[in-house]
C-alpha cells in the first residue's frame, strides 16, 4: 500500500480524531496508525465500559437497600453474563457511532492497522511497511502503571483495563492505590458484592483533593462495606489457595492480606514504551 500523507497520527483516540478533523479540514491527507480498536482508552478500556458497569452497580445497590426505603425489591445475585454483554454493546455502539462513522465521513482520512514504531525521526515501521512523513503526531494515550513489587510477575494481577473484562466479579479484592480509579472501581465491585480492601500509601485517600472531601468519600465507602487502610507500604505478593496474598507494613506494622484478586490502581503512564522513542 502506498501512503503519501501530510500528517501521520499514532493512535486513534479522542486527541487523534480531533487532530485528524482539523488537518483534514485544511485539505491534508491524514493517516492514522492503530494496532487495536478505534476510539482509544476512553471508549475501549476506560470511561465507557467503567461507567456502564458503575451505573448498573448503583442500580443494584439501590435495589439491595430497597427495604430501608420501604421497597421490597429482593435483589438476587448479579447476572454477570447480561452485565458484560451490556458493557460490550455500549463500547461497540460508541465506537461505531462516533469513531467509525467519523472515519467514513472524513475525507482524506485513512487508518493503517498495526503497531507503529519509529525507525527515524520521520519514518515509522508498521508491520512490513515503512511510512514516511514530515509531520508525525504521537497520540497513543496512557496505560495503567505497574509498580515494581516482589512476586508480582508470578500472580495474575488486575489493572483498570483487565478488571473491566472479567467474566464476573471476584468474591474478594485487594485494591492497591487510593486515587480516583481505585475509589470508583472499588465502590463498583463492592456494590456487586465483592469484599474490597483499599490500600493507600499516603495518610489519606485522594491526596490531591481537599481533605474534607476525602474524609467524606472514605465515610461513604466504609458505610458500603469497603475497608480502607492508609500508610501502607506494599512489599511483596504471593499466590495462595485463596488467590493472592499481599504482604505490607501498615503504619509500620507488618500485615498480610489475602483475597481472590489483586488490582493495581496506582496511576497511568504514557503508552510510549514500545514506539521507538529511545
C-alpha atoms as a PDB file:
ATOM      1  CA  UNK A   1       0.000   0.000   0.000  1.00  0.00           C
ATOM      2  CA  UNK A   2       1.374   3.423  -0.954  1.00  0.00           C
ATOM      3  CA  UNK A   3       0.935   6.207   1.584  1.00  0.00           C
ATOM      4  CA  UNK A   4       1.826   9.843   0.966  1.00  0.00           C
ATOM      5  CA  UNK A   5       0.264  11.570   3.993  1.00  0.00           C
ATOM      6  CA  UNK A   6       0.674  15.150   5.092  1.00  0.00           C
ATOM      7  CA  UNK A   7       0.164  14.050   8.688  1.00  0.00           C
ATOM      8  CA  UNK A   8       0.625  10.701  10.410  1.00  0.00           C
ATOM      9  CA  UNK A   9      -1.053  10.125  13.775  1.00  0.00           C
ATOM     10  CA  UNK A  10      -0.046   7.321  16.087  1.00  0.00           C
ATOM     11  CA  UNK A  11      -3.280   6.352  17.850  1.00  0.00           C
ATOM     12  CA  UNK A  12      -6.995   6.723  17.185  1.00  0.00           C
ATOM     13  CA  UNK A  13      -8.482   8.122  20.367  1.00  0.00           C
ATOM     14  CA  UNK A  14     -10.152  11.450  21.102  1.00  0.00           C
ATOM     15  CA  UNK A  15      -6.971  13.508  20.623  1.00  0.00           C
ATOM     16  CA  UNK A  16      -6.093  11.693  17.407  1.00  0.00           C
ATOM     17  CA  UNK A  17      -9.529  12.255  15.871  1.00  0.00           C
ATOM     18  CA  UNK A  18      -9.604  15.921  16.921  1.00  0.00           C
ATOM     19  CA  UNK A  19      -6.261  16.481  15.208  1.00  0.00           C
ATOM     20  CA  UNK A  20      -7.318  14.490  12.144  1.00  0.00           C
ATOM     21  CA  UNK A  21     -10.506  16.523  11.836  1.00  0.00           C
ATOM     22  CA  UNK A  22      -8.585  19.819  11.875  1.00  0.00           C
ATOM     23  CA  UNK A  23      -5.938  18.584   9.457  1.00  0.00           C
ATOM     24  CA  UNK A  24      -8.488  17.146   7.023  1.00  0.00           C
ATOM     25  CA  UNK A  25     -10.345  20.466   7.072  1.00  0.00           C
ATOM     26  CA  UNK A  26      -7.147  22.051   5.742  1.00  0.00           C
ATOM     27  CA  UNK A  27      -7.116  19.557   2.899  1.00  0.00           C
ATOM     28  CA  UNK A  28      -4.294  17.459   4.347  1.00  0.00           C
ATOM     29  CA  UNK A  29      -4.103  13.728   3.765  1.00  0.00           C
ATOM     30  CA  UNK A  30      -4.107  12.093   7.195  1.00  0.00           C
ATOM     31  CA  UNK A  31      -3.029   8.579   8.071  1.00  0.00           C
ATOM     32  CA  UNK A  32      -3.832   7.111  11.493  1.00  0.00           C
ATOM     33  CA  UNK A  33      -1.902   4.111  12.724  1.00  0.00           C
ATOM     34  CA  UNK A  34      -3.860   1.919  15.156  1.00  0.00           C
ATOM     35  CA  UNK A  35      -2.903  -1.506  16.484  1.00  0.00           C
ATOM     36  CA  UNK A  36      -6.172  -2.194  18.302  1.00  0.00           C
ATOM     37  CA  UNK A  37      -9.682  -0.706  18.305  1.00  0.00           C
ATOM     38  CA  UNK A  38     -10.727   2.765  17.161  1.00  0.00           C
ATOM     39  CA  UNK A  39     -11.560   5.149  19.972  1.00  0.00           C
ATOM     40  CA  UNK A  40      -8.608   4.804  22.299  1.00  0.00           C
ATOM     41  CA  UNK A  41      -8.641   4.295  26.056  1.00  0.00           C
ATOM     42  CA  UNK A  42     -11.864   6.068  26.981  1.00  0.00           C
ATOM     43  CA  UNK A  43     -14.088   4.105  24.642  1.00  0.00           C
ATOM     44  CA  UNK A  44     -12.494   0.678  24.878  1.00  0.00           C
ATOM     45  CA  UNK A  45     -10.878   0.325  28.311  1.00  0.00           C
ATOM     46  CA  UNK A  46     -11.859   3.366  30.370  1.00  0.00           C
ATOM     47  CA  UNK A  47     -14.807   5.725  30.564  1.00  0.00           C
ATOM     48  CA  UNK A  48     -17.423   3.824  28.555  1.00  0.00           C
ATOM     49  CA  UNK A  49     -17.039   0.294  29.981  1.00  0.00           C
ATOM     50  CA  UNK A  50     -16.386   1.521  33.525  1.00  0.00           C
ATOM     51  CA  UNK A  51     -19.265   3.984  33.643  1.00  0.00           C
ATOM     52  CA  UNK A  52     -21.614   1.392  32.153  1.00  0.00           C
ATOM     53  CA  UNK A  53     -20.835  -1.045  34.961  1.00  0.00           C
ATOM     54  CA  UNK A  54     -20.762   1.702  37.614  1.00  0.00           C
ATOM     55  CA  UNK A  55     -24.250   2.781  36.544  1.00  0.00           C
ATOM     56  CA  UNK A  56     -25.538  -0.795  36.861  1.00  0.00           C
ATOM     57  CA  UNK A  57     -23.784  -1.188  40.223  1.00  0.00           C
ATOM     58  CA  UNK A  58     -25.618   1.887  41.506  1.00  0.00           C
ATOM     59  CA  UNK A  59     -28.944   0.388  40.404  1.00  0.00           C
ATOM     60  CA  UNK A  60     -28.115  -2.930  42.059  1.00  0.00           C
ATOM     61  CA  UNK A  61     -27.007  -1.176  45.242  1.00  0.00           C
ATOM     62  CA  UNK A  62     -30.290   0.729  45.349  1.00  0.00           C
ATOM     63  CA  UNK A  63     -32.275  -2.463  44.858  1.00  0.00           C
ATOM     64  CA  UNK A  64     -30.415  -4.202  47.686  1.00  0.00           C
ATOM     65  CA  UNK A  65     -31.121  -1.274  50.002  1.00  0.00           C
ATOM     66  CA  UNK A  66     -34.769  -1.082  48.965  1.00  0.00           C
ATOM     67  CA  UNK A  67     -36.114  -2.423  52.257  1.00  0.00           C
ATOM     68  CA  UNK A  68     -34.606   0.527  54.158  1.00  0.00           C
ATOM     69  CA  UNK A  69     -36.775   2.786  51.995  1.00  0.00           C
ATOM     70  CA  UNK A  70     -39.883   0.672  52.312  1.00  0.00           C
ATOM     71  CA  UNK A  71     -39.331  -1.074  48.973  1.00  0.00           C
ATOM     72  CA  UNK A  72     -39.203  -4.864  48.978  1.00  0.00           C
ATOM     73  CA  UNK A  73     -37.249  -5.412  45.746  1.00  0.00           C
ATOM     74  CA  UNK A  74     -35.444  -8.660  46.698  1.00  0.00           C
ATOM     75  CA  UNK A  75     -32.378  -8.235  44.513  1.00  0.00           C
ATOM     76  CA  UNK A  76     -30.763 -11.574  43.630  1.00  0.00           C
ATOM     77  CA  UNK A  77     -27.110 -12.048  42.672  1.00  0.00           C
ATOM     78  CA  UNK A  78     -25.915 -10.038  39.649  1.00  0.00           C
ATOM     79  CA  UNK A  79     -26.280 -11.677  36.241  1.00  0.00           C
ATOM     80  CA  UNK A  80     -22.688 -11.339  35.039  1.00  0.00           C
ATOM     81  CA  UNK A  81     -23.402 -12.541  31.508  1.00  0.00           C
ATOM     82  CA  UNK A  82     -26.039  -9.869  30.916  1.00  0.00           C
ATOM     83  CA  UNK A  83     -23.959  -7.141  32.557  1.00  0.00           C
ATOM     84  CA  UNK A  84     -20.875  -7.895  30.464  1.00  0.00           C
ATOM     85  CA  UNK A  85     -22.996  -8.081  27.317  1.00  0.00           C
ATOM     86  CA  UNK A  86     -24.456  -4.633  28.065  1.00  0.00           C
ATOM     87  CA  UNK A  87     -20.953  -3.287  28.629  1.00  0.00           C
ATOM     88  CA  UNK A  88     -19.745  -4.674  25.277  1.00  0.00           C
ATOM     89  CA  UNK A  89     -22.798  -3.254  23.495  1.00  0.00           C
ATOM     90  CA  UNK A  90     -22.128   0.200  24.973  1.00  0.00           C
ATOM     91  CA  UNK A  91     -18.496   0.117  23.841  1.00  0.00           C
ATOM     92  CA  UNK A  92     -19.344  -1.103  20.347  1.00  0.00           C
ATOM     93  CA  UNK A  93     -22.126   1.482  19.935  1.00  0.00           C
ATOM     94  CA  UNK A  94     -19.916   4.430  20.877  1.00  0.00           C
ATOM     95  CA  UNK A  95     -17.054   3.122  18.760  1.00  0.00           C
ATOM     96  CA  UNK A  96     -19.311   2.663  15.729  1.00  0.00           C
ATOM     97  CA  UNK A  97     -21.427   5.819  16.022  1.00  0.00           C
ATOM     98  CA  UNK A  98     -18.674   8.258  16.955  1.00  0.00           C
ATOM     99  CA  UNK A  99     -15.417   6.916  15.570  1.00  0.00           C
ATOM    100  CA  UNK A 100     -16.128   4.528  12.716  1.00  0.00           C
ATOM    101  CA  UNK A 101     -18.723   6.939  11.346  1.00  0.00           C
ATOM    102  CA  UNK A 102     -16.338   9.896  11.552  1.00  0.00           C
ATOM    103  CA  UNK A 103     -13.643   7.864   9.848  1.00  0.00           C
ATOM    104  CA  UNK A 104     -16.011   7.073   6.984  1.00  0.00           C
ATOM    105  CA  UNK A 105     -17.265  10.651   6.698  1.00  0.00           C
ATOM    106  CA  UNK A 106     -13.941  12.493   6.942  1.00  0.00           C
ATOM    107  CA  UNK A 107     -12.305  12.991   3.552  1.00  0.00           C
ATOM    108  CA  UNK A 108      -8.591  12.311   3.235  1.00  0.00           C
ATOM    109  CA  UNK A 109      -8.521  10.209   6.422  1.00  0.00           C
ATOM    110  CA  UNK A 110      -7.282   6.611   6.375  1.00  0.00           C
ATOM    111  CA  UNK A 111      -6.365   4.078   9.047  1.00  0.00           C
ATOM    112  CA  UNK A 112      -3.445   1.684   8.789  1.00  0.00           C
ATOM    113  CA  UNK A 113      -3.769  -1.260  11.165  1.00  0.00           C
ATOM    114  CA  UNK A 114      -0.667  -2.343  13.015  1.00  0.00           C
ATOM    115  CA  UNK A 115       1.914  -1.348  15.609  1.00  0.00           C
ATOM    116  CA  UNK A 116       3.837   1.783  14.653  1.00  0.00           C
ATOM    117  CA  UNK A 117       7.440   2.176  15.737  1.00  0.00           C
ATOM    118  CA  UNK A 118       9.886   4.960  14.880  1.00  0.00           C
ATOM    119  CA  UNK A 119      12.932   3.907  12.914  1.00  0.00           C
ATOM    120  CA  UNK A 120      13.984   7.504  12.200  1.00  0.00           C
ATOM    121  CA  UNK A 121      12.579  10.937  13.085  1.00  0.00           C
ATOM    122  CA  UNK A 122      10.300  10.848  10.036  1.00  0.00           C
ATOM    123  CA  UNK A 123       9.807   7.118   9.443  1.00  0.00           C
ATOM    124  CA  UNK A 124       7.624   4.522  11.119  1.00  0.00           C
ATOM    125  CA  UNK A 125       7.750   0.765  10.741  1.00  0.00           C
ATOM    126  CA  UNK A 126       4.222  -0.703  10.648  1.00  0.00           C
ATOM    127  CA  UNK A 127       4.435  -4.429  10.076  1.00  0.00           C
ATOM    128  CA  UNK A 128       6.171  -4.903   6.739  1.00  0.00           C
ATOM    129  CA  UNK A 129       5.517  -1.302   5.664  1.00  0.00           C
ATOM    130  CA  UNK A 130       7.565   1.859   6.090  1.00  0.00           C
ATOM    131  CA  UNK A 131       5.535   5.054   6.465  1.00  0.00           C
ATOM    132  CA  UNK A 132       7.350   8.338   5.833  1.00  0.00           C
ATOM    133  CA  UNK A 133       6.040  11.785   6.769  1.00  0.00           C
ATOM    134  CA  UNK A 134       7.412  15.162   7.833  1.00  0.00           C
ATOM    135  CA  UNK A 135       4.664  15.556  10.449  1.00  0.00           C
ATOM    136  CA  UNK A 136       4.039  12.750  12.959  1.00  0.00           C
ATOM    137  CA  UNK A 137       1.753  13.268  15.921  1.00  0.00           C
ATOM    138  CA  UNK A 138       2.071  10.916  18.887  1.00  0.00           C
ATOM    139  CA  UNK A 139      -1.397  10.420  20.374  1.00  0.00           C
ATOM    140  CA  UNK A 140      -1.088   6.988  21.956  1.00  0.00           C
ATOM    141  CA  UNK A 141      -2.645   7.899  25.304  1.00  0.00           C
ATOM    142  CA  UNK A 142      -1.767   6.160  28.542  1.00  0.00           C
ATOM    143  CA  UNK A 143      -1.727   2.721  30.134  1.00  0.00           C
ATOM    144  CA  UNK A 144      -2.077   1.621  33.757  1.00  0.00           C
ATOM    145  CA  UNK A 145       1.146   1.988  35.709  1.00  0.00           C
ATOM    146  CA  UNK A 146       2.593  -1.175  37.199  1.00  0.00           C
ATOM    147  CA  UNK A 147       4.684  -0.778  40.352  1.00  0.00           C
ATOM    148  CA  UNK A 148       7.822  -2.866  40.908  1.00  0.00           C
ATOM    149  CA  UNK A 149       6.740  -5.323  43.577  1.00  0.00           C
ATOM    150  CA  UNK A 150       8.414  -8.590  44.507  1.00  0.00           C
ATOM    151  CA  UNK A 151       6.458 -11.571  43.203  1.00  0.00           C
ATOM    152  CA  UNK A 152       4.114  -9.520  41.042  1.00  0.00           C
ATOM    153  CA  UNK A 153       5.189 -11.313  37.875  1.00  0.00           C
ATOM    154  CA  UNK A 154       4.114 -14.614  39.466  1.00  0.00           C
ATOM    155  CA  UNK A 155       0.466 -13.673  40.110  1.00  0.00           C
ATOM    156  CA  UNK A 156      -2.448 -12.842  37.831  1.00  0.00           C
ATOM    157  CA  UNK A 157      -2.987  -9.251  38.976  1.00  0.00           C
ATOM    158  CA  UNK A 158      -5.578  -6.857  37.575  1.00  0.00           C
ATOM    159  CA  UNK A 159      -5.332  -3.306  36.254  1.00  0.00           C
ATOM    160  CA  UNK A 160      -8.102  -0.843  35.455  1.00  0.00           C
ATOM    161  CA  UNK A 161      -8.073  -2.339  31.923  1.00  0.00           C
ATOM    162  CA  UNK A 162      -8.246  -6.041  32.709  1.00  0.00           C
ATOM    163  CA  UNK A 163     -10.625  -5.597  35.658  1.00  0.00           C
ATOM    164  CA  UNK A 164     -13.295  -4.367  33.245  1.00  0.00           C
ATOM    165  CA  UNK A 165     -13.022  -7.529  31.163  1.00  0.00           C
ATOM    166  CA  UNK A 166     -13.515 -10.133  33.873  1.00  0.00           C
ATOM    167  CA  UNK A 167     -16.296 -12.636  33.154  1.00  0.00           C
ATOM    168  CA  UNK A 168     -17.718 -11.941  36.631  1.00  0.00           C
ATOM    169  CA  UNK A 169     -16.891 -10.233  39.915  1.00  0.00           C
ATOM    170  CA  UNK A 170     -14.425 -11.767  42.380  1.00  0.00           C
ATOM    171  CA  UNK A 171     -15.530 -12.665  45.895  1.00  0.00           C
ATOM    172  CA  UNK A 172     -12.748 -10.508  47.373  1.00  0.00           C
ATOM    173  CA  UNK A 173     -10.364  -7.880  46.058  1.00  0.00           C
ATOM    174  CA  UNK A 174      -7.266  -6.059  47.323  1.00  0.00           C
ATOM    175  CA  UNK A 175      -7.070  -2.628  45.668  1.00  0.00           C
ATOM    176  CA  UNK A 176      -3.560  -1.178  45.733  1.00  0.00           C
ATOM    177  CA  UNK A 177      -3.939   2.589  45.381  1.00  0.00           C
ATOM    178  CA  UNK A 178      -6.218   5.295  46.713  1.00  0.00           C
ATOM    179  CA  UNK A 179      -6.882   7.593  43.767  1.00  0.00           C
ATOM    180  CA  UNK A 180      -9.965   8.232  41.668  1.00  0.00           C
ATOM    181  CA  UNK A 181      -9.823   4.950  39.748  1.00  0.00           C
ATOM    182  CA  UNK A 182      -9.300   2.927  42.929  1.00  0.00           C
ATOM    183  CA  UNK A 183     -12.289   4.554  44.620  1.00  0.00           C
ATOM    184  CA  UNK A 184     -14.784   4.391  41.783  1.00  0.00           C
ATOM    185  CA  UNK A 185     -13.894   0.836  40.833  1.00  0.00           C
ATOM    186  CA  UNK A 186     -13.587  -0.281  44.432  1.00  0.00           C
ATOM    187  CA  UNK A 187     -17.084   1.008  45.122  1.00  0.00           C
ATOM    188  CA  UNK A 188     -18.389  -0.640  41.949  1.00  0.00           C
ATOM    189  CA  UNK A 189     -17.009  -4.049  42.915  1.00  0.00           C
ATOM    190  CA  UNK A 190     -18.272  -3.679  46.491  1.00  0.00           C
ATOM    191  CA  UNK A 191     -21.762  -2.825  45.258  1.00  0.00           C
ATOM    192  CA  UNK A 192     -21.770  -6.008  43.200  1.00  0.00           C
ATOM    193  CA  UNK A 193     -20.933  -7.998  46.335  1.00  0.00           C
ATOM    194  CA  UNK A 194     -17.126  -8.156  46.352  1.00  0.00           C
ATOM    195  CA  UNK A 195     -15.322  -7.740  49.674  1.00  0.00           C
ATOM    196  CA  UNK A 196     -12.979  -4.841  48.895  1.00  0.00           C
ATOM    197  CA  UNK A 197      -9.938  -3.577  50.797  1.00  0.00           C
ATOM    198  CA  UNK A 198      -8.390  -0.305  49.532  1.00  0.00           C
ATOM    199  CA  UNK A 199      -4.700   0.111  50.397  1.00  0.00           C
ATOM    200  CA  UNK A 200      -3.303   3.645  50.148  1.00  0.00           C
ATOM    201  CA  UNK A 201       0.372   4.541  50.560  1.00  0.00           C
ATOM    202  CA  UNK A 202      -0.342   8.018  51.944  1.00  0.00           C
ATOM    203  CA  UNK A 203      -2.139   9.076  55.098  1.00  0.00           C
ATOM    204  CA  UNK A 204      -5.472   9.599  53.303  1.00  0.00           C
ATOM    205  CA  UNK A 205      -7.282   8.819  50.069  1.00  0.00           C
ATOM    206  CA  UNK A 206      -7.230  11.174  47.064  1.00  0.00           C
ATOM    207  CA  UNK A 207      -4.116  13.093  48.068  1.00  0.00           C
ATOM    208  CA  UNK A 208      -4.746  15.866  45.534  1.00  0.00           C
ATOM    209  CA  UNK A 209      -8.243  16.653  46.891  1.00  0.00           C
ATOM    210  CA  UNK A 210      -9.384  18.772  49.828  1.00  0.00           C
ATOM    211  CA  UNK A 211      -9.077  16.638  53.000  1.00  0.00           C
ATOM    212  CA  UNK A 212     -12.654  17.462  53.959  1.00  0.00           C
ATOM    213  CA  UNK A 213     -13.872  15.847  50.748  1.00  0.00           C
ATOM    214  CA  UNK A 214     -11.621  12.815  51.030  1.00  0.00           C
ATOM    215  CA  UNK A 215     -12.884  12.179  54.538  1.00  0.00           C
ATOM    216  CA  UNK A 216     -16.466  12.280  53.262  1.00  0.00           C
ATOM    217  CA  UNK A 217     -15.626   9.850  50.441  1.00  0.00           C
ATOM    218  CA  UNK A 218     -13.970   7.491  52.901  1.00  0.00           C
ATOM    219  CA  UNK A 219     -17.024   7.563  55.180  1.00  0.00           C
ATOM    220  CA  UNK A 220     -19.318   6.718  52.259  1.00  0.00           C
ATOM    221  CA  UNK A 221     -17.134   3.814  51.166  1.00  0.00           C
ATOM    222  CA  UNK A 222     -16.913   2.422  54.690  1.00  0.00           C
ATOM    223  CA  UNK A 223     -20.689   2.684  55.054  1.00  0.00           C
ATOM    224  CA  UNK A 224     -20.949   0.433  51.980  1.00  0.00           C
ATOM    225  CA  UNK A 225     -18.617  -2.180  53.432  1.00  0.00           C
ATOM    226  CA  UNK A 226     -15.294  -1.149  51.876  1.00  0.00           C
ATOM    227  CA  UNK A 227     -12.311  -1.484  54.199  1.00  0.00           C
ATOM    228  CA  UNK A 228      -9.704   1.288  53.899  1.00  0.00           C
ATOM    229  CA  UNK A 229      -6.107   1.136  55.084  1.00  0.00           C
ATOM    230  CA  UNK A 230      -3.687   4.056  54.853  1.00  0.00           C
ATOM    231  CA  UNK A 231       0.081   4.425  55.273  1.00  0.00           C
ATOM    232  CA  UNK A 232       0.556   1.089  53.517  1.00  0.00           C
ATOM    233  CA  UNK A 233       3.955   0.105  52.166  1.00  0.00           C
ATOM    234  CA  UNK A 234       3.467  -2.884  49.859  1.00  0.00           C
ATOM    235  CA  UNK A 235       6.449  -5.234  49.905  1.00  0.00           C
ATOM    236  CA  UNK A 236       5.675  -8.473  48.082  1.00  0.00           C
ATOM    237  CA  UNK A 237       2.909 -10.687  46.748  1.00  0.00           C
ATOM    238  CA  UNK A 238       2.486 -14.445  46.625  1.00  0.00           C
ATOM    239  CA  UNK A 239      -0.088 -16.776  45.153  1.00  0.00           C
ATOM    240  CA  UNK A 240      -2.253 -18.661  47.643  1.00  0.00           C
ATOM    241  CA  UNK A 241      -5.130 -21.166  47.606  1.00  0.00           C
ATOM    242  CA  UNK A 242      -7.449 -18.199  48.075  1.00  0.00           C
ATOM    243  CA  UNK A 243      -5.883 -16.387  45.136  1.00  0.00           C
ATOM    244  CA  UNK A 244      -3.211 -13.878  46.115  1.00  0.00           C
ATOM    245  CA  UNK A 245      -1.617 -12.583  49.317  1.00  0.00           C
ATOM    246  CA  UNK A 246      -0.104  -9.120  49.719  1.00  0.00           C
ATOM    247  CA  UNK A 247       2.485  -8.549  52.431  1.00  0.00           C
ATOM    248  CA  UNK A 248       2.912  -4.956  53.582  1.00  0.00           C
ATOM    249  CA  UNK A 249       3.593  -2.726  56.512  1.00  0.00           C
ATOM    250  CA  UNK A 250       0.633  -0.652  57.718  1.00  0.00           C
ATOM    251  CA  UNK A 251       1.647   2.309  59.858  1.00  0.00           C
ATOM    252  CA  UNK A 252       4.943   0.460  60.368  1.00  0.00           C
ATOM    253  CA  UNK A 253       3.476  -2.875  61.460  1.00  0.00           C
ATOM    254  CA  UNK A 254       3.694  -5.996  59.240  1.00  0.00           C
ATOM    255  CA  UNK A 255       0.355  -7.071  57.796  1.00  0.00           C
ATOM    256  CA  UNK A 256      -0.530  -9.894  55.406  1.00  0.00           C
ATOM    257  CA  UNK A 257      -3.810  -9.813  53.471  1.00  0.00           C
ATOM    258  CA  UNK A 258      -5.220 -12.438  51.114  1.00  0.00           C
ATOM    259  CA  UNK A 259      -8.027 -12.207  48.563  1.00  0.00           C
ATOM    260  CA  UNK A 260      -9.221 -13.782  45.346  1.00  0.00           C
ATOM    261  CA  UNK A 261      -7.753 -10.977  43.214  1.00  0.00           C
ATOM    262  CA  UNK A 262      -5.281  -8.093  43.480  1.00  0.00           C
ATOM    263  CA  UNK A 263      -5.801  -4.925  41.438  1.00  0.00           C
ATOM    264  CA  UNK A 264      -3.230  -2.207  40.816  1.00  0.00           C
ATOM    265  CA  UNK A 265      -4.692   1.293  40.678  1.00  0.00           C
ATOM    266  CA  UNK A 266      -1.556   3.395  41.072  1.00  0.00           C
ATOM    267  CA  UNK A 267      -1.956   5.823  38.193  1.00  0.00           C
ATOM    268  CA  UNK A 268      -1.199   5.855  34.490  1.00  0.00           C
ATOM    269  CA  UNK A 269       1.850   6.380  32.321  1.00  0.00           C
ATOM    270  CA  UNK A 270       2.313   7.295  28.642  1.00  0.00           C
ATOM    271  CA  UNK A 271       1.892   4.333  26.289  1.00  0.00           C
ATOM    272  CA  UNK A 272       5.202   5.147  24.597  1.00  0.00           C
ATOM    273  CA  UNK A 273       7.356   2.286  25.853  1.00  0.00           C
ATOM    274  CA  UNK A 274       7.486   0.361  22.580  1.00  0.00           C
ATOM    275  CA  UNK A 275       7.262   3.000  19.836  1.00  0.00           C
ATOM    276  CA  UNK A 276      10.985   3.570  19.372  1.00  0.00           C
ATOM    277  CA  UNK A 277      11.471   6.932  21.082  1.00  0.00           C
ATOM    278  CA  UNK A 278      14.690   5.891  22.805  1.00  0.00           C
END
